[in-house]
Protein backbone atom coordinates (compact mmCIF):
# COMPACT_ATOMS: atom_id res chain seq x y z
CA MET A 1 -38.41 -37.69 53.40
CA TRP A 2 -38.63 -38.76 49.76
CA THR A 3 -36.43 -38.72 46.66
CA ASN A 4 -37.01 -39.80 43.07
CA SER A 5 -34.47 -42.63 42.70
CA ARG A 6 -35.63 -45.95 41.22
CA VAL A 7 -34.93 -49.49 42.43
CA ASP A 8 -35.28 -52.64 40.30
CA SER A 9 -34.68 -56.29 41.13
CA SER A 10 -31.24 -57.79 40.55
CA ILE A 11 -30.86 -60.83 38.35
CA LEU A 12 -29.11 -62.53 41.28
CA ALA A 13 -32.38 -62.59 43.26
CA LYS A 14 -34.46 -64.30 40.59
CA PRO A 15 -35.82 -67.74 41.66
CA ALA A 16 -33.85 -69.46 38.90
CA ALA A 17 -30.60 -67.78 39.98
CA ILE A 18 -31.22 -68.75 43.62
CA ALA A 19 -31.69 -72.38 42.56
CA ILE A 20 -28.42 -72.26 40.62
CA TRP A 21 -26.53 -70.93 43.67
CA LEU A 22 -28.00 -73.76 45.76
CA ALA A 23 -26.89 -76.33 43.17
CA ILE A 24 -23.38 -74.84 43.08
CA CYS A 25 -23.20 -74.98 46.87
CA ILE A 26 -24.21 -78.66 46.91
CA LEU A 27 -21.80 -79.62 44.13
CA ALA A 28 -18.91 -77.73 45.75
CA THR A 29 -19.56 -79.56 49.03
CA MET A 30 -19.66 -82.95 47.26
CA PHE A 31 -16.30 -82.28 45.58
CA ASN A 32 -14.70 -80.86 48.74
CA GLN A 33 -14.48 -77.30 47.39
CA THR A 34 -15.01 -75.79 50.82
CA VAL A 35 -14.22 -72.16 50.05
CA PHE A 36 -16.30 -72.11 46.91
CA GLY A 37 -19.11 -73.96 48.66
CA VAL A 38 -19.17 -71.49 51.56
CA PHE A 39 -19.28 -68.57 49.13
CA ALA A 40 -22.10 -70.13 47.09
CA GLY A 41 -24.00 -70.96 50.27
CA PHE A 42 -23.65 -67.39 51.53
CA VAL A 43 -24.95 -65.98 48.23
CA PHE A 44 -27.81 -68.51 48.29
CA LEU A 45 -28.91 -67.51 51.80
CA LEU A 46 -28.53 -63.79 51.02
CA THR A 47 -30.61 -63.89 47.84
CA LEU A 48 -33.20 -66.24 49.34
CA SER A 49 -33.69 -63.98 52.37
CA SER A 50 -33.91 -60.95 50.07
CA LEU A 51 -36.61 -62.66 48.00
CA LEU A 52 -38.64 -63.72 51.04
CA TRP A 53 -38.36 -60.26 52.61
CA ALA A 54 -39.44 -58.54 49.39
CA ARG A 55 -42.50 -60.78 49.01
CA ALA A 56 -43.58 -60.07 52.57
CA SER A 57 -42.77 -56.35 52.50
CA LEU A 58 -46.04 -55.11 50.96
CA LYS A 59 -48.44 -57.27 52.92
CA ASN A 60 -50.83 -55.17 55.04
CA VAL A 61 -49.53 -51.99 53.44
CA ASP A 62 -51.83 -49.49 51.73
CA ILE A 63 -51.62 -46.01 50.29
CA GLU A 64 -53.98 -43.06 50.22
CA LEU A 65 -53.87 -39.99 47.99
CA THR A 66 -55.65 -36.73 48.82
CA ILE A 67 -55.86 -33.65 46.60
CA GLY A 68 -56.22 -30.37 48.45
CA GLN A 69 -58.31 -28.71 45.73
CA ILE A 70 -60.15 -30.54 42.94
CA GLY A 71 -61.16 -27.59 40.74
CA MET A 72 -58.93 -24.61 39.96
CA PHE A 73 -57.79 -22.20 37.27
CA PRO A 74 -54.50 -22.13 35.32
CA GLY A 75 -51.66 -20.75 37.42
CA GLN A 76 -53.13 -21.81 40.76
CA ALA A 77 -51.02 -23.88 43.17
CA PHE A 78 -52.35 -26.76 45.24
CA THR A 79 -51.10 -29.56 47.47
CA VAL A 80 -51.24 -33.33 47.00
CA THR A 81 -50.90 -35.45 50.15
CA ARG A 82 -49.93 -39.14 50.18
CA ILE A 83 -50.23 -41.47 53.15
CA VAL A 84 -48.40 -44.82 53.30
CA ARG A 85 -49.69 -47.05 56.11
CA ASN A 86 -47.61 -50.02 57.24
CA ARG A 87 -49.92 -52.21 59.35
CA LYS A 88 -47.56 -55.16 59.88
CA ALA A 89 -44.78 -55.93 62.37
CA LEU A 90 -41.99 -55.69 59.75
CA PRO A 91 -40.60 -52.33 58.62
CA LEU A 92 -40.40 -51.08 55.05
CA LEU A 93 -36.70 -50.53 54.47
CA TRP A 94 -37.59 -48.43 51.43
CA ALA A 95 -40.70 -47.80 49.37
CA GLU A 96 -41.37 -46.42 45.91
CA ILE A 97 -44.61 -44.77 44.81
CA ARG A 98 -45.18 -44.79 41.07
CA GLU A 99 -48.07 -42.88 39.52
CA PRO A 100 -48.67 -43.09 35.75
CA CYS A 101 -48.93 -39.71 34.05
CA GLY A 102 -48.83 -38.10 30.64
CA GLU A 103 -46.10 -36.15 28.92
CA ASP A 104 -48.12 -32.92 28.99
CA ASP A 105 -50.65 -33.13 31.80
CA PRO A 106 -52.66 -29.97 32.64
CA ALA A 107 -51.12 -29.97 36.15
CA SER A 108 -47.75 -31.15 37.39
CA PRO A 109 -45.69 -31.19 40.59
CA LEU A 110 -43.15 -28.43 41.12
CA ALA A 111 -40.50 -30.97 42.17
CA ASP A 112 -38.62 -32.91 39.49
CA VAL A 113 -40.27 -36.31 40.01
CA ILE A 114 -41.41 -37.21 36.47
CA VAL A 115 -39.37 -39.96 34.81
CA CYS A 116 -39.59 -41.39 31.31
CA ASN A 117 -39.33 -45.15 30.64
CA GLU A 118 -38.99 -46.83 27.26
CA VAL A 119 -40.90 -50.11 27.01
CA LEU A 120 -41.29 -52.61 24.18
CA VAL A 121 -44.84 -52.93 22.87
CA ASP A 122 -46.34 -54.88 19.98
CA GLN A 123 -47.07 -52.74 16.93
CA GLU A 124 -49.43 -54.41 14.49
CA GLU A 125 -49.20 -53.66 10.79
CA GLY A 126 -52.08 -55.23 8.92
CA SER A 127 -53.50 -58.57 9.99
CA ALA A 128 -50.42 -60.75 9.41
CA ASN A 129 -47.41 -58.66 10.37
CA SER A 130 -46.50 -57.37 13.80
CA TYR A 131 -43.30 -56.05 15.31
CA LYS A 132 -42.07 -54.51 18.55
CA VAL A 133 -41.31 -50.85 19.01
CA TYR A 134 -40.17 -48.74 21.92
CA LYS A 135 -42.82 -46.57 23.48
CA LYS A 136 -42.26 -43.81 26.02
CA GLU A 137 -44.22 -44.04 29.24
CA TYR A 138 -44.18 -41.36 31.91
CA GLU A 139 -44.67 -41.71 35.64
CA ARG A 140 -44.25 -39.72 38.85
CA LEU A 141 -41.73 -41.45 41.10
CA TYR A 142 -41.37 -40.91 44.86
CA THR A 143 -39.09 -42.95 47.15
CA LEU A 144 -39.42 -43.15 50.94
CA SER A 145 -36.27 -43.99 52.86
CA PHE A 146 -37.73 -45.95 55.79
CA VAL A 147 -41.16 -46.74 57.24
CA ARG A 148 -41.23 -48.34 60.68
CA TRP A 149 -43.55 -51.16 61.70
CA ARG A 150 -47.17 -50.11 62.29
CA GLN A 151 -46.42 -46.56 61.16
CA SER A 152 -48.22 -44.17 58.84
CA VAL A 153 -46.07 -41.76 56.85
CA PHE A 154 -47.53 -38.51 55.47
CA PHE A 155 -45.75 -36.45 52.85
CA LYS A 156 -46.85 -33.61 50.60
CA ASP A 157 -45.70 -32.05 47.38
CA GLU A 158 -46.72 -28.79 45.75
CA TRP A 159 -48.39 -28.77 42.34
CA GLN A 160 -49.36 -26.09 39.86
CA ALA A 161 -52.11 -26.00 37.25
CA THR A 162 -50.59 -25.07 33.90
CA ARG A 163 -53.44 -25.24 31.37
CA ARG A 164 -57.12 -26.11 30.93
CA GLY A 165 -58.02 -29.78 31.11
CA ILE A 166 -58.89 -32.76 33.29
CA MET A 167 -56.55 -35.42 34.64
CA GLU A 168 -57.25 -38.51 36.71
CA THR A 169 -55.18 -40.88 38.81
CA GLY A 170 -56.97 -44.20 39.12
CA THR A 171 -54.10 -46.50 40.08
CA VAL A 172 -50.87 -46.19 42.04
CA GLN A 173 -48.08 -48.74 42.23
CA LEU A 174 -46.19 -49.24 45.49
CA ARG A 175 -42.84 -51.06 45.40
CA SER A 176 -40.57 -52.23 48.19
CA GLY A 177 -37.95 -54.88 48.88
CA ASP A 178 -34.90 -55.86 50.89
CA GLY A 179 -32.27 -53.54 52.29
CA PHE A 180 -29.58 -54.66 49.85
CA GLY A 181 -31.60 -53.68 46.79
CA LEU A 182 -31.40 -57.21 45.37
CA CYS A 183 -35.12 -57.87 45.13
CA ALA A 184 -38.15 -55.60 44.68
CA GLU A 185 -41.85 -56.41 44.60
CA GLY A 186 -44.69 -54.22 43.35
CA LYS A 187 -48.34 -53.94 44.26
CA THR A 188 -50.94 -51.91 42.33
CA TYR A 189 -53.64 -50.07 44.25
CA THR A 190 -56.84 -49.08 42.44
CA PHE A 191 -58.89 -46.28 43.95
CA SER A 192 -62.63 -46.90 44.19
CA VAL A 193 -63.13 -43.34 42.92
CA PRO A 194 -60.35 -42.00 40.64
CA LYS A 195 -58.65 -38.88 41.93
CA ARG A 196 -59.66 -36.15 39.48
CA ILE A 197 -58.13 -32.71 39.00
CA VAL A 198 -60.14 -30.19 36.95
CA ILE A 199 -58.52 -27.05 35.55
CA TYR A 200 -61.14 -24.63 34.27
CA PRO A 201 -60.68 -22.26 31.32
CA ARG A 202 -58.84 -19.09 32.20
CA PHE A 203 -61.16 -16.15 32.90
CA ALA A 204 -60.81 -13.09 30.66
CA PRO A 205 -62.24 -9.59 31.08
CA VAL A 206 -65.55 -9.55 29.19
CA SER A 207 -68.61 -7.36 28.85
CA ALA A 208 -71.97 -9.16 28.72
CA LEU A 209 -73.95 -6.05 27.77
CA GLY A 210 -74.21 -7.19 24.16
CA ILE A 211 -76.10 -10.30 25.25
CA LEU A 212 -78.27 -8.35 27.68
CA ASN A 213 -79.11 -5.86 24.94
CA ASP A 214 -80.08 -8.80 22.72
CA MET A 215 -82.58 -9.84 25.34
CA TRP A 216 -84.32 -6.55 25.95
CA ASP A 217 -82.33 -3.47 25.01
CA THR A 218 -81.35 -3.01 28.62
CA ARG A 219 -78.80 -0.58 30.02
CA SER A 220 -75.87 -1.45 32.21
CA GLU A 221 -77.44 0.08 35.33
CA ASN A 222 -80.31 -2.41 35.17
CA ASP A 223 -77.70 -5.08 35.91
CA GLY A 224 -79.55 -7.67 33.88
CA TYR A 225 -82.93 -7.20 35.59
CA LEU A 226 -86.21 -5.76 34.30
CA LYS A 227 -88.79 -3.82 36.29
CA ASP A 228 -92.25 -5.40 36.48
CA ARG A 229 -94.42 -2.26 36.50
CA THR A 230 -97.53 -4.24 37.34
CA VAL A 231 -96.22 -5.06 40.83
CA ILE A 232 -95.31 -2.20 43.24
CA LYS A 233 -93.12 -3.60 45.98
CA SER A 234 -92.87 -0.39 48.07
CA VAL A 235 -92.43 3.38 47.84
CA ARG A 236 -89.61 5.68 48.85
CA ASP A 237 -88.88 9.39 48.99
CA TYR A 238 -88.50 11.08 45.65
CA GLN A 239 -84.89 11.70 44.62
CA PRO A 240 -83.69 14.07 41.92
CA GLY A 241 -83.33 12.17 38.69
CA ASP A 242 -86.21 9.74 39.28
CA ALA A 243 -88.38 9.25 36.20
CA ALA A 244 -91.68 11.09 36.27
CA ARG A 245 -93.60 7.92 35.38
CA ASP A 246 -92.27 6.28 38.57
CA VAL A 247 -93.93 8.89 40.83
CA ASN A 248 -96.84 7.49 42.86
CA MET A 249 -99.74 9.61 41.54
CA ARG A 250 -102.27 8.33 44.09
CA LEU A 251 -100.26 9.61 47.04
CA LEU A 252 -99.59 12.87 45.22
CA ALA A 253 -103.35 13.34 44.62
CA ARG A 254 -103.95 12.96 48.35
CA GLY A 255 -101.63 15.90 48.98
CA GLN A 256 -98.73 13.84 50.33
CA THR A 257 -95.09 14.48 49.47
CA LEU A 258 -93.55 13.18 46.28
CA MET A 259 -92.96 9.41 46.55
CA THR A 260 -91.33 7.13 44.01
CA ASN A 261 -92.63 3.63 43.30
CA VAL A 262 -90.21 0.71 43.81
CA PHE A 263 -91.21 -2.05 41.41
CA GLU A 264 -90.64 -5.78 41.67
CA THR A 265 -87.79 -6.95 39.46
CA VAL A 266 -87.83 -10.04 37.30
CA THR A 267 -85.03 -11.86 35.56
CA PRO A 268 -84.94 -12.20 31.78
CA ASP A 269 -85.51 -15.39 29.80
CA THR A 270 -83.08 -18.25 30.19
CA ILE A 271 -79.97 -18.36 27.97
CA LEU A 272 -78.63 -21.62 26.54
CA PHE A 273 -75.02 -21.75 25.33
CA VAL A 274 -74.23 -24.61 22.93
CA LEU A 275 -70.56 -25.49 22.37
CA ASP A 276 -69.79 -26.76 18.87
CA SER A 277 -66.32 -28.21 19.54
CA GLY A 278 -66.07 -29.99 16.20
CA SER A 279 -66.12 -26.75 14.22
CA PHE A 280 -62.68 -25.91 15.68
CA CYS A 281 -60.95 -28.99 14.22
CA ASP A 282 -59.13 -27.01 11.55
CA ARG A 283 -58.33 -24.05 13.79
CA ALA A 284 -55.22 -23.46 15.86
CA PRO A 285 -55.45 -24.74 19.45
CA ASP A 286 -55.04 -21.23 20.87
CA VAL A 287 -58.21 -20.10 19.03
CA PHE A 288 -60.19 -22.87 20.71
CA GLU A 289 -58.69 -22.06 24.11
CA ARG A 290 -59.45 -18.36 23.69
CA SER A 291 -63.03 -19.16 22.71
CA LEU A 292 -63.52 -21.34 25.79
CA SER A 293 -62.01 -18.61 27.94
CA VAL A 294 -64.49 -16.02 26.63
CA LEU A 295 -67.42 -18.44 26.96
CA ALA A 296 -66.50 -19.33 30.55
CA SER A 297 -66.15 -15.65 31.40
CA LEU A 298 -69.56 -14.83 29.90
CA ILE A 299 -71.19 -17.65 31.87
CA ASP A 300 -69.58 -16.38 35.06
CA GLU A 301 -70.54 -12.74 34.38
CA LEU A 302 -74.15 -13.50 33.47
CA THR A 303 -74.62 -15.88 36.39
CA ARG A 304 -73.34 -13.25 38.80
CA ARG A 305 -75.91 -10.84 37.36
CA GLY A 306 -78.67 -13.31 38.21
CA ILE A 307 -79.32 -14.52 34.66
CA ARG A 308 -80.41 -18.15 34.28
CA ILE A 309 -77.78 -19.94 32.20
CA SER A 310 -77.77 -23.43 30.68
CA LEU A 311 -74.91 -25.12 28.85
CA MET A 312 -74.94 -27.95 26.31
CA THR A 313 -71.69 -29.68 25.28
CA PRO A 314 -71.05 -32.65 22.97
CA ALA A 315 -69.85 -36.03 24.19
CA SER A 316 -66.17 -36.02 25.19
CA LYS A 317 -63.52 -38.27 26.69
CA TRP A 318 -64.61 -37.42 30.23
CA PHE A 319 -68.35 -37.16 29.55
CA PRO A 320 -69.31 -39.89 27.05
CA GLU A 321 -72.77 -38.49 26.40
CA THR A 322 -74.09 -35.09 25.39
CA CYS A 323 -74.31 -33.06 28.59
CA THR A 324 -76.77 -30.33 29.43
CA VAL A 325 -76.55 -28.39 32.68
CA PRO A 326 -80.03 -26.95 33.29
CA SER A 327 -80.51 -23.40 34.42
CA SER A 328 -80.84 -22.47 38.08
CA LEU A 329 -80.06 -19.23 39.81
CA ASP A 330 -78.55 -21.05 42.78
CA ARG A 331 -76.72 -23.73 40.77
CA ASP A 332 -72.98 -23.89 41.17
CA ARG A 333 -71.52 -22.41 37.98
CA TYR A 334 -68.50 -24.66 38.32
CA GLN A 335 -70.49 -27.57 36.89
CA MET A 336 -70.54 -25.71 33.59
CA LEU A 337 -66.87 -24.83 33.88
CA GLU A 338 -66.05 -28.51 34.35
CA LEU A 339 -67.80 -29.33 31.07
CA LEU A 340 -65.71 -26.66 29.35
CA ALA A 341 -62.56 -28.05 30.98
CA ALA A 342 -63.33 -31.43 29.37
CA ALA A 343 -63.97 -30.03 25.86
CA ALA A 344 -61.71 -31.02 22.97
CA ARG A 345 -61.65 -30.07 19.31
CA ASP A 346 -62.26 -33.68 18.21
CA ASP A 347 -65.39 -34.18 20.31
CA ALA A 348 -68.32 -35.89 18.61
CA PRO A 349 -70.90 -33.49 17.14
CA LEU A 350 -74.27 -32.88 18.71
CA THR A 351 -77.18 -34.75 17.19
CA ALA A 352 -80.67 -33.59 16.34
CA ALA A 353 -81.90 -35.77 19.22
CA ALA A 354 -80.10 -33.60 21.79
CA GLN A 355 -82.45 -32.66 24.57
CA LEU A 356 -83.04 -29.07 25.56
CA PRO A 357 -83.14 -28.19 29.26
CA THR A 358 -86.47 -28.64 31.04
CA ASP A 359 -86.61 -24.88 31.56
CA GLU A 360 -86.61 -24.02 27.86
CA PRO A 361 -84.43 -21.06 26.95
CA GLY A 362 -85.65 -17.90 25.33
CA ARG A 363 -82.43 -17.40 23.40
CA ILE A 364 -79.74 -19.83 22.24
CA TYR A 365 -76.11 -19.02 21.43
CA ILE A 366 -74.01 -21.54 19.48
CA VAL A 367 -70.28 -21.03 20.11
CA CYS A 368 -68.41 -22.15 16.99
CA ALA A 369 -65.33 -21.45 14.89
CA ASP A 370 -67.34 -19.96 12.03
CA ILE A 371 -70.80 -20.29 10.60
CA ASP A 372 -69.76 -22.24 7.52
CA ASN A 373 -68.18 -25.11 9.53
CA LEU A 374 -70.95 -25.87 12.01
CA THR A 375 -70.98 -29.55 13.00
CA VAL A 376 -74.26 -29.29 14.88
CA PRO A 377 -77.35 -29.93 12.77
CA PRO A 378 -78.97 -26.84 11.27
CA ALA A 379 -80.28 -24.59 14.00
CA VAL A 380 -83.83 -24.82 12.71
CA SER A 381 -83.94 -28.62 13.11
CA LEU A 382 -81.99 -28.83 16.36
CA PHE A 383 -83.62 -25.88 18.12
CA PRO A 384 -87.00 -25.23 16.51
CA GLU A 385 -88.98 -22.17 17.50
CA HIS A 386 -86.06 -20.54 19.32
CA LYS A 387 -84.01 -17.47 18.58
CA VAL A 388 -80.55 -18.79 17.71
CA VAL A 389 -77.38 -16.71 17.41
CA ALA A 390 -73.97 -18.05 16.41
CA LEU A 391 -71.02 -16.65 18.37
CA THR A 392 -68.12 -17.21 15.98
CA ALA A 393 -64.40 -17.15 16.63
CA GLY A 394 -63.73 -16.06 13.03
CA GLU A 395 -65.62 -14.25 10.35
CA THR A 396 -69.31 -13.95 11.10
CA GLY A 397 -70.37 -15.05 7.62
CA GLU A 398 -73.84 -14.76 6.21
CA GLY A 399 -75.48 -17.54 8.27
CA GLY A 400 -78.52 -17.96 6.11
CA GLY A 401 -82.06 -18.54 7.26
CA THR A 402 -82.87 -17.42 10.79
CA LEU A 403 -79.38 -18.03 12.13
CA ARG A 404 -77.70 -14.75 12.98
CA ALA A 405 -73.97 -14.46 13.69
CA ARG A 406 -71.89 -12.29 16.02
CA ALA A 407 -68.16 -12.22 16.73
CA LEU A 408 -67.39 -13.99 20.00
CA PHE A 409 -64.21 -12.03 20.66
CA ASP A 410 -66.13 -8.74 20.51
CA PHE A 411 -67.24 -9.49 24.08
CA GLU A 412 -63.64 -9.23 25.28
CA ARG A 413 -62.53 -5.98 26.79
CA THR A 414 -59.08 -4.68 27.56
CA ALA A 415 -58.20 -4.41 31.22
């Protein structure tokens, strides 16, 4: 249905060239050059009809782009569907769809449809001098062979997410023209809502017990919950291994069989993770990616255990202001993963005016490269009266003051 060839207008179909052919035809007729006049007249009519057809070809034509899955993880495949609707009585003899893209986007089509164009752009040097240089621009190019009158054409291509990141398609250019390929016209379509693809950090096997132990020296079988011994929810038959303090003494005193109290469970205090992207500026990109992978995995693990998690990230390209996702047991964790997908090492640092979530956390973890390169303000001024721990991707350092440090990668576990 589609290929990735490219069609551009011929110089013969330019308005100036058409006028020249008309002038040649008239002059040849005046000087009795019949053969030459017929040839010039034929070329004039051919190029004029090509120009008129091309200018009418994209009227009442629109395009729609649908992404099968907006959020995904690296390695996942998904489908992108495009619909070209021709609402007029004339057919599209051919049509090109051009979508601007980057050289290394986080997701790309499996088919070979990416082309590179070199364009001249002005390069300023100082205030007085400027010169032109060639710049590479990339685009995805699809060509439809034929679209009949009042027809809608659907076609799909398979994509794959390759790395963490966010990409958007806000505009698409549609081109068409005459059947001889002499003249082509383009029309740019701007989507009211840009089509966004979000690739989350890759999940890694992690153990969150270190964080749970920080909160209340819990054991893995508690699964992140704590028994509230002041509230007895029910009783059950005694089973070997039950703690003696859990036996219901009132029922035992009445001469009934051994029964074990079942207590109400409560969740621990809220956890706030703070991402200090700027501290990774001097680190290798793979260290930053590994840190985000561990952080995303910890958020997923703790959320599944019923722990209330909040996330604070600095302003980035995709989120121009400091973002805080407040804690909620029923909140979709993918909101936090989207913030991590947008993170970059050159993000602006957090400021002391950053707002904590409404549900204030009991413990705060700052994810950073190391404790000596923190770009967030000192923990005491940014998060007063909170227990703050730095999860570092390098050496833990001394920290100083009340800021304690732990190695982030210690939470990883081998499969």
